[in-house]
Amino acid sequence: MPPQPVKSVETTEDYQQQLQNELDQSRRAIKEIKLMLEQSQAELTKLTQRNSAITGHLQQVQTLFDTMPRADIRSAYNAALDAQQRLLVMRGQLEKLQSDQGNLQKYIQFLEKTVQVMNDSGLTSGRKMRNSGSQVLELVIKAQEAERQSVSRQMHEGHAQALSNLIVQTEIAARLVDADY
């Protein structure tokens, strides 16, 4: 979820409402991530079982290597490579989802603490903000925006680049294997 621009805040109630909206949105997002984690974990289990079956088939191919047709050998190794790639991609996706979940949980904790600080400091009345109150809220907004941008960067960088690099390297390796035949 990309960072939302900070809207103009005239009263502390406006700001508190914005905080609550952001908190609600983040809680919905974490529920979606939990669901995707469950689905990804189930898919990972299926892929692990498929990989085990293919590994068994490769062992059979190895014992019959001298008598087996070259096309069957290539097919078995291609299936094994495909299974390993899918398993690797799914593990990467699962790891990214877990990272996203952790970052989002930290962000939710930050929002909850901000709401608590506002409640504890008595900044929840509907009065117009005065200079000191507006300065406090400006600092809170800046801190919230910085945290949001940090979470966004962490979610979209790192794992995706590493996974793309791995896929490209795997494709190159597959082409080299095909070129050897």
C-alpha atoms as a PDB file:
ATOM      1  CA  MET A   1       0.000   0.000   0.000  1.00  0.00           C
ATOM      2  CA  PRO A   2       1.599   3.255  -1.120  1.00  0.00           C
ATOM      3  CA  PRO A   3       1.908   6.098   1.359  1.00  0.00           C
ATOM      4  CA  GLN A   4      -1.067   8.418   1.480  1.00  0.00           C
ATOM      5  CA  PRO A   5      -0.472  12.156   1.322  1.00  0.00           C
ATOM      6  CA  VAL A   6      -0.968  13.949   4.605  1.00  0.00           C
ATOM      7  CA  LYS A   7      -4.140  15.994   4.509  1.00  0.00           C
ATOM      8  CA  SER A   8      -4.496  19.361   6.130  1.00  0.00           C
ATOM      9  CA  VAL A   9      -5.500  18.981   9.750  1.00  0.00           C
ATOM     10  CA  GLU A  10      -7.490  21.766  11.352  1.00  0.00           C
ATOM     11  CA  THR A  11      -8.556  20.138  14.605  1.00  0.00           C
ATOM     12  CA  THR A  12      -7.257  17.335  16.712  1.00  0.00           C
ATOM     13  CA  GLU A  13     -10.484  15.470  16.017  1.00  0.00           C
ATOM     14  CA  ASP A  14      -9.695  15.604  12.290  1.00  0.00           C
ATOM     15  CA  TYR A  15      -6.245  14.198  12.922  1.00  0.00           C
ATOM     16  CA  GLN A  16      -7.530  11.529  15.258  1.00  0.00           C
ATOM     17  CA  GLN A  17     -10.083  10.501  12.630  1.00  0.00           C
ATOM     18  CA  GLN A  18      -7.321  10.252  10.032  1.00  0.00           C
ATOM     19  CA  LEU A  19      -5.293   8.117  12.428  1.00  0.00           C
ATOM     20  CA  GLN A  20      -8.258   5.852  13.062  1.00  0.00           C
ATOM     21  CA  ASN A  21      -8.929   5.496   9.329  1.00  0.00           C
ATOM     22  CA  GLU A  22      -5.280   4.593   8.711  1.00  0.00           C
ATOM     23  CA  LEU A  23      -5.384   2.116  11.585  1.00  0.00           C
ATOM     24  CA  ASP A  24      -8.548   0.479  10.233  1.00  0.00           C
ATOM     25  CA  GLN A  25      -7.067   0.266   6.736  1.00  0.00           C
ATOM     26  CA  SER A  26      -3.865  -1.272   8.082  1.00  0.00           C
ATOM     27  CA  ARG A  27      -5.809  -3.834  10.105  1.00  0.00           C
ATOM     28  CA  ARG A  28      -7.760  -4.839   6.976  1.00  0.00           C
ATOM     29  CA  ALA A  29      -4.495  -5.151   5.065  1.00  0.00           C
ATOM     30  CA  ILE A  30      -2.975  -7.395   7.725  1.00  0.00           C
ATOM     31  CA  LYS A  31      -6.035  -9.666   7.580  1.00  0.00           C
ATOM     32  CA  GLU A  32      -5.549  -9.973   3.816  1.00  0.00           C
ATOM     33  CA  ILE A  33      -1.876 -10.779   4.310  1.00  0.00           C
ATOM     34  CA  LYS A  34      -2.747 -13.469   6.864  1.00  0.00           C
ATOM     35  CA  LEU A  35      -5.155 -15.046   4.371  1.00  0.00           C
ATOM     36  CA  MET A  36      -2.540 -14.936   1.621  1.00  0.00           C
ATOM     37  CA  LEU A  37      -0.009 -16.468   4.031  1.00  0.00           C
ATOM     38  CA  GLU A  38      -2.355 -19.376   4.734  1.00  0.00           C
ATOM     39  CA  GLN A  39      -2.959 -19.935   1.027  1.00  0.00           C
ATOM     40  CA  SER A  40       0.737 -19.684   0.219  1.00  0.00           C
ATOM     41  CA  GLN A  41       1.604 -22.142   2.987  1.00  0.00           C
ATOM     42  CA  ALA A  42      -0.908 -24.653   1.580  1.00  0.00           C
ATOM     43  CA  GLU A  43       0.545 -24.193  -1.906  1.00  0.00           C
ATOM     44  CA  LEU A  44       4.067 -24.612  -0.532  1.00  0.00           C
ATOM     45  CA  THR A  45       3.037 -27.915   1.045  1.00  0.00           C
ATOM     46  CA  LYS A  46       1.648 -29.142  -2.296  1.00  0.00           C
ATOM     47  CA  LEU A  47       4.768 -28.045  -4.150  1.00  0.00           C
ATOM     48  CA  THR A  48       7.006 -29.750  -1.590  1.00  0.00           C
ATOM     49  CA  GLN A  49       5.087 -33.011  -2.065  1.00  0.00           C
ATOM     50  CA  ARG A  50       5.308 -32.649  -5.858  1.00  0.00           C
ATOM     51  CA  ASN A  51       9.046 -31.998  -5.606  1.00  0.00           C
ATOM     52  CA  SER A  52       9.480 -35.142  -3.504  1.00  0.00           C
ATOM     53  CA  ALA A  53       7.617 -37.223  -6.081  1.00  0.00           C
ATOM     54  CA  ILE A  54       9.711 -35.808  -8.907  1.00  0.00           C
ATOM     55  CA  THR A  55      12.902 -36.476  -6.955  1.00  0.00           C
ATOM     56  CA  GLY A  56      11.825 -40.103  -6.676  1.00  0.00           C
ATOM     57  CA  HIS A  57      11.228 -40.207 -10.419  1.00  0.00           C
ATOM     58  CA  LEU A  58      14.685 -38.724 -11.034  1.00  0.00           C
ATOM     59  CA  GLN A  59      16.205 -41.510  -8.958  1.00  0.00           C
ATOM     60  CA  GLN A  60      14.459 -44.031 -11.237  1.00  0.00           C
ATOM     61  CA  VAL A  61      15.763 -42.180 -14.279  1.00  0.00           C
ATOM     62  CA  GLN A  62      19.261 -42.322 -12.823  1.00  0.00           C
ATOM     63  CA  THR A  63      19.128 -46.089 -12.434  1.00  0.00           C
ATOM     64  CA  LEU A  64      17.830 -46.528 -16.002  1.00  0.00           C
ATOM     65  CA  PHE A  65      19.927 -43.733 -17.494  1.00  0.00           C
ATOM     66  CA  ASP A  66      21.761 -45.908 -20.057  1.00  0.00           C
ATOM     67  CA  THR A  67      18.601 -47.515 -21.447  1.00  0.00           C
ATOM     68  CA  MET A  68      16.142 -44.629 -21.178  1.00  0.00           C
ATOM     69  CA  PRO A  69      15.414 -42.504 -24.258  1.00  0.00           C
ATOM     70  CA  ARG A  70      17.063 -39.099 -24.220  1.00  0.00           C
ATOM     71  CA  ALA A  71      13.686 -37.328 -24.548  1.00  0.00           C
ATOM     72  CA  ASP A  72      12.404 -39.047 -21.392  1.00  0.00           C
ATOM     73  CA  ILE A  73      15.546 -38.035 -19.497  1.00  0.00           C
ATOM     74  CA  ARG A  74      15.199 -34.441 -20.661  1.00  0.00           C
ATOM     75  CA  SER A  75      11.523 -34.428 -19.708  1.00  0.00           C
ATOM     76  CA  ALA A  76      12.277 -35.742 -16.217  1.00  0.00           C
ATOM     77  CA  TYR A  77      14.991 -33.158 -15.617  1.00  0.00           C
ATOM     78  CA  ASN A  78      12.844 -30.347 -16.996  1.00  0.00           C
ATOM     79  CA  ALA A  79      10.016 -31.376 -14.659  1.00  0.00           C
ATOM     80  CA  ALA A  80      12.456 -31.407 -11.746  1.00  0.00           C
ATOM     81  CA  LEU A  81      13.797 -27.979 -12.672  1.00  0.00           C
ATOM     82  CA  ASP A  82      10.279 -26.593 -12.997  1.00  0.00           C
ATOM     83  CA  ALA A  83       9.274 -28.036  -9.621  1.00  0.00           C
ATOM     84  CA  GLN A  84      12.336 -26.564  -7.947  1.00  0.00           C
ATOM     85  CA  GLN A  85      11.732 -23.158  -9.533  1.00  0.00           C
ATOM     86  CA  ARG A  86       8.120 -23.125  -8.411  1.00  0.00           C
ATOM     87  CA  LEU A  87       9.115 -24.191  -4.927  1.00  0.00           C
ATOM     88  CA  LEU A  88      11.760 -21.485  -4.755  1.00  0.00           C
ATOM     89  CA  VAL A  89       9.357 -18.807  -5.991  1.00  0.00           C
ATOM     90  CA  MET A  90       6.710 -19.875  -3.483  1.00  0.00           C
ATOM     91  CA  ARG A  91       9.216 -19.814  -0.632  1.00  0.00           C
ATOM     92  CA  GLY A  92      10.263 -16.319  -1.709  1.00  0.00           C
ATOM     93  CA  GLN A  93       6.647 -15.200  -1.833  1.00  0.00           C
ATOM     94  CA  LEU A  94       5.987 -16.673   1.586  1.00  0.00           C
ATOM     95  CA  GLU A  95       9.063 -14.944   3.003  1.00  0.00           C
ATOM     96  CA  LYS A  96       7.975 -11.612   1.496  1.00  0.00           C
ATOM     97  CA  LEU A  97       4.466 -11.968   2.920  1.00  0.00           C
ATOM     98  CA  GLN A  98       5.908 -12.722   6.343  1.00  0.00           C
ATOM     99  CA  SER A  99       8.137  -9.660   6.083  1.00  0.00           C
ATOM    100  CA  ASP A 100       5.191  -7.515   4.980  1.00  0.00           C
ATOM    101  CA  GLN A 101       3.153  -8.833   7.887  1.00  0.00           C
ATOM    102  CA  GLY A 102       5.904  -7.949  10.362  1.00  0.00           C
ATOM    103  CA  ASN A 103       6.315  -4.453   8.916  1.00  0.00           C
ATOM    104  CA  LEU A 104       2.582  -3.852   8.941  1.00  0.00           C
ATOM    105  CA  GLN A 105       2.325  -5.040  12.539  1.00  0.00           C
ATOM    106  CA  LYS A 106       5.021  -2.533  13.506  1.00  0.00           C
ATOM    107  CA  TYR A 107       3.133   0.206  11.679  1.00  0.00           C
ATOM    108  CA  ILE A 108      -0.126  -0.709  13.440  1.00  0.00           C
ATOM    109  CA  GLN A 109       1.664  -0.604  16.792  1.00  0.00           C
ATOM    110  CA  PHE A 110       2.990   2.844  15.900  1.00  0.00           C
ATOM    111  CA  LEU A 111      -0.499   4.062  15.023  1.00  0.00           C
ATOM    112  CA  GLU A 112      -1.961   2.592  18.201  1.00  0.00           C
ATOM    113  CA  LYS A 113       0.728   4.288  20.294  1.00  0.00           C
ATOM    114  CA  THR A 114       0.047   7.601  18.529  1.00  0.00           C
ATOM    115  CA  VAL A 115      -3.663   7.319  19.297  1.00  0.00           C
ATOM    116  CA  GLN A 116      -2.839   6.423  22.907  1.00  0.00           C
ATOM    117  CA  VAL A 117      -0.481   9.404  23.272  1.00  0.00           C
ATOM    118  CA  MET A 118      -3.175  11.689  21.931  1.00  0.00           C
ATOM    119  CA  ASN A 119      -5.725  10.292  24.338  1.00  0.00           C
ATOM    120  CA  ASP A 120      -3.332  10.473  27.289  1.00  0.00           C
ATOM    121  CA  SER A 121      -2.260  14.037  26.542  1.00  0.00           C
ATOM    122  CA  GLY A 122      -5.805  15.335  26.230  1.00  0.00           C
ATOM    123  CA  LEU A 123      -5.383  16.335  22.576  1.00  0.00           C
ATOM    124  CA  THR A 124      -8.746  14.875  21.645  1.00  0.00           C
ATOM    125  CA  SER A 125     -10.999  17.877  22.175  1.00  0.00           C
ATOM    126  CA  GLY A 126     -12.549  19.593  19.176  1.00  0.00           C
ATOM    127  CA  ARG A 127     -10.888  22.937  19.768  1.00  0.00           C
ATOM    128  CA  LYS A 128      -8.840  24.644  17.119  1.00  0.00           C
ATOM    129  CA  MET A 129      -5.194  23.743  17.447  1.00  0.00           C
ATOM    130  CA  ARG A 130      -2.967  26.287  19.045  1.00  0.00           C
ATOM    131  CA  ASN A 131       0.665  26.775  18.158  1.00  0.00           C
ATOM    132  CA  SER A 132       2.042  24.225  20.643  1.00  0.00           C
ATOM    133  CA  GLY A 133      -0.622  21.655  19.813  1.00  0.00           C
ATOM    134  CA  SER A 134      -0.148  22.103  16.099  1.00  0.00           C
ATOM    135  CA  GLN A 135       3.594  21.706  16.486  1.00  0.00           C
ATOM    136  CA  VAL A 136       3.114  18.443  18.363  1.00  0.00           C
ATOM    137  CA  LEU A 137       0.701  17.181  15.739  1.00  0.00           C
ATOM    138  CA  GLU A 138       3.008  18.284  12.938  1.00  0.00           C
ATOM    139  CA  LEU A 139       5.807  16.244  14.501  1.00  0.00           C
ATOM    140  CA  VAL A 140       3.495  13.253  14.886  1.00  0.00           C
ATOM    141  CA  ILE A 141       2.369  13.564  11.260  1.00  0.00           C
ATOM    142  CA  LYS A 142       5.960  13.761  10.040  1.00  0.00           C
ATOM    143  CA  ALA A 143       6.927  10.727  12.122  1.00  0.00           C
ATOM    144  CA  GLN A 144       3.893   8.841  10.816  1.00  0.00           C
ATOM    145  CA  GLU A 145       4.753   9.723   7.215  1.00  0.00           C
ATOM    146  CA  ALA A 146       8.388   8.699   7.679  1.00  0.00           C
ATOM    147  CA  GLU A 147       7.323   5.354   9.153  1.00  0.00           C
ATOM    148  CA  ARG A 148       4.814   4.794   6.344  1.00  0.00           C
ATOM    149  CA  GLN A 149       7.491   5.468   3.716  1.00  0.00           C
ATOM    150  CA  SER A 150       9.932   3.178   5.497  1.00  0.00           C
ATOM    151  CA  VAL A 151       7.401   0.336   5.606  1.00  0.00           C
ATOM    152  CA  SER A 152       6.561   0.913   1.951  1.00  0.00           C
ATOM    153  CA  ARG A 153      10.231   0.755   0.932  1.00  0.00           C
ATOM    154  CA  GLN A 154      10.803  -2.410   2.951  1.00  0.00           C
ATOM    155  CA  MET A 155       7.780  -4.073   1.390  1.00  0.00           C
ATOM    156  CA  HIS A 156       8.706  -3.311  -2.216  1.00  0.00           C
ATOM    157  CA  GLU A 157      12.488  -3.634  -2.224  1.00  0.00           C
ATOM    158  CA  GLY A 158      14.830  -6.493  -1.540  1.00  0.00           C
ATOM    159  CA  HIS A 159      12.976  -9.767  -1.972  1.00  0.00           C
ATOM    160  CA  ALA A 160      11.453  -8.964  -5.363  1.00  0.00           C
ATOM    161  CA  GLN A 161      14.835  -8.034  -6.826  1.00  0.00           C
ATOM    162  CA  ALA A 162      16.511 -11.136  -5.438  1.00  0.00           C
ATOM    163  CA  LEU A 163      13.726 -13.358  -6.760  1.00  0.00           C
ATOM    164  CA  SER A 164      13.907 -11.793 -10.241  1.00  0.00           C
ATOM    165  CA  ASN A 165      17.673 -12.310 -10.307  1.00  0.00           C
ATOM    166  CA  LEU A 166      17.252 -15.950  -9.314  1.00  0.00           C
ATOM    167  CA  ILE A 167      14.677 -16.571 -12.052  1.00  0.00           C
ATOM    168  CA  VAL A 168      16.923 -15.020 -14.699  1.00  0.00           C
ATOM    169  CA  GLN A 169      19.888 -17.111 -13.537  1.00  0.00           C
ATOM    170  CA  THR A 170      17.740 -20.261 -13.607  1.00  0.00           C
ATOM    171  CA  GLU A 171      16.574 -19.520 -17.156  1.00  0.00           C
ATOM    172  CA  ILE A 172      20.188 -19.025 -18.253  1.00  0.00           C
ATOM    173  CA  ALA A 173      21.155 -22.327 -16.643  1.00  0.00           C
ATOM    174  CA  ALA A 174      18.251 -24.091 -18.382  1.00  0.00           C
ATOM    175  CA  ARG A 175      19.347 -22.709 -21.756  1.00  0.00           C
ATOM    176  CA  LEU A 176      22.900 -23.874 -21.134  1.00  0.00           C
ATOM    177  CA  VAL A 177      21.647 -27.367 -20.299  1.00  0.00           C
ATOM    178  CA  ASP A 178      19.539 -27.400 -23.487  1.00  0.00           C
ATOM    179  CA  ALA A 179      22.557 -26.240 -25.507  1.00  0.00           C
ATOM    180  CA  ASP A 180      24.592 -29.215 -24.238  1.00  0.00           C
ATOM    181  CA  TYR A 181      22.116 -31.710 -25.739  1.00  0.00           C
END
